[in-house]
Amino acid sequence: MDCNRRWLMGSPYRMTLPRVSIIIPVAPGGTVRALAGLAPVTYPQELFEVLVAYGRAPSVQRNRAANEAEGDILYFLDDDSRVAPGFLERAVPHYENPKVAAAGGPSLTPVTDSPLQRAIGVVLSSAVGGGGVRNRYRKAGEARHTGDSELILCNLSFRREIFLSHGGLDSRLYPNEENELMDRLVGEGFYLVHDPELGVQRSQRPTWKAYVKQMLGYGRGRGEQTRISGRIKPVAMAPSLFVVYLLLLPLLGSWILSLPFFAYLALMLAASLQGALGARDLTLLPRLLVLFPALHLLYGVGVVWGLVRPRFKGAPRSTDGIEIRRVKAFGEPLNAQGQD
């Protein structure tokens, strides 16, 4: 990008490079695999730090690390996000515009993943599966202003002053905490940027059980976000309405009213076949035939669950034992002990 060269290579701009704080939440005792990808980062060593936030409340972990961070930009990664060496050079030029509050890129499925993981990646990156959020999981188009639907917290940066002045992430939410914040920022006139070239490699869930938990959790997070914001996104409610339709179908007593169901089955077959062909792996087809409808049904149930029984109405999550460890300070090498 021209702006990359102007920021990073032109001497009049060399001193304007922002300092970046990379923040990675992880469970206690967890391995921070993302650190291996940060070792060869080409951004000036004196201009980025790395903080690992240990705990069991990711939203709170990120917020506490943000308060301890000293950079101008906060860059959030997950513990298994694998970045490219030049990812910071790609990200920081987007902040030339002071109205840009956040910038990020997709989470891409590695080709070395298992067949199930690659099939999940196909589903999430398709129009029939991921739908309006599919660009979180695929590389498509050019860098652009966007809404929260194209950005994902495992690969997302914020201007620190804006993040902190808006209270950071809503700790009542997990997931969807970043979506709630970005919705507020867009409502105030700030810009969000999605850059397809700013992708990280990140494996999909390794088991069917983990996939079920993930889709239910995504839906529940959307339902809880809807309760907090009071704004309903019709597209997000579509899977729930389909679940209601399926439950009522045996009671409708009309073959005409069954036509949408058969049309849906035909769509699932077509999407699964297209996905397997696009991945050039027909062995994925049986998995896709299950994964597509499972996503819709689980997400739909999760949304209703989040609306009816939001977790923030119960006992608050424990935030005890959160520890922020600075594994790389500005100007210092990465501390390998942060991988313990």
Foldseek 3Di string as FASTA:
>chain_A
DVLLCCQPPPVVNPVVQWAEEEEEEDEVPAFQQQVVLAQLAPDALLRYFYKYKYDDQVQVSLVVVLVVDDIQKYWYAYSFWHFHNDLSSVPRSVCVPVLAFKEWEAAEEDPPADLLQVLLLLQCLDCLRVNQLNRNYAQDDAKDWDAPSPDDRNTMMGRSVLCVVQPHFDSLAPPPRVNLVRVVSVVVPGTYIYGSVSYTYGTGDRDPVVLLVVLLNLLLRLLQSCVVVVDDDVVLQVLLVVLVLVVCVVVPPDVVSCVVVVVVLVVQLVSLVVSCVVVVHCVSSVVSSPSSNSSSNSSNVSNVCNNVPNPSVDDDDDGPPIDMDTQRHRPGRGNPVVRD
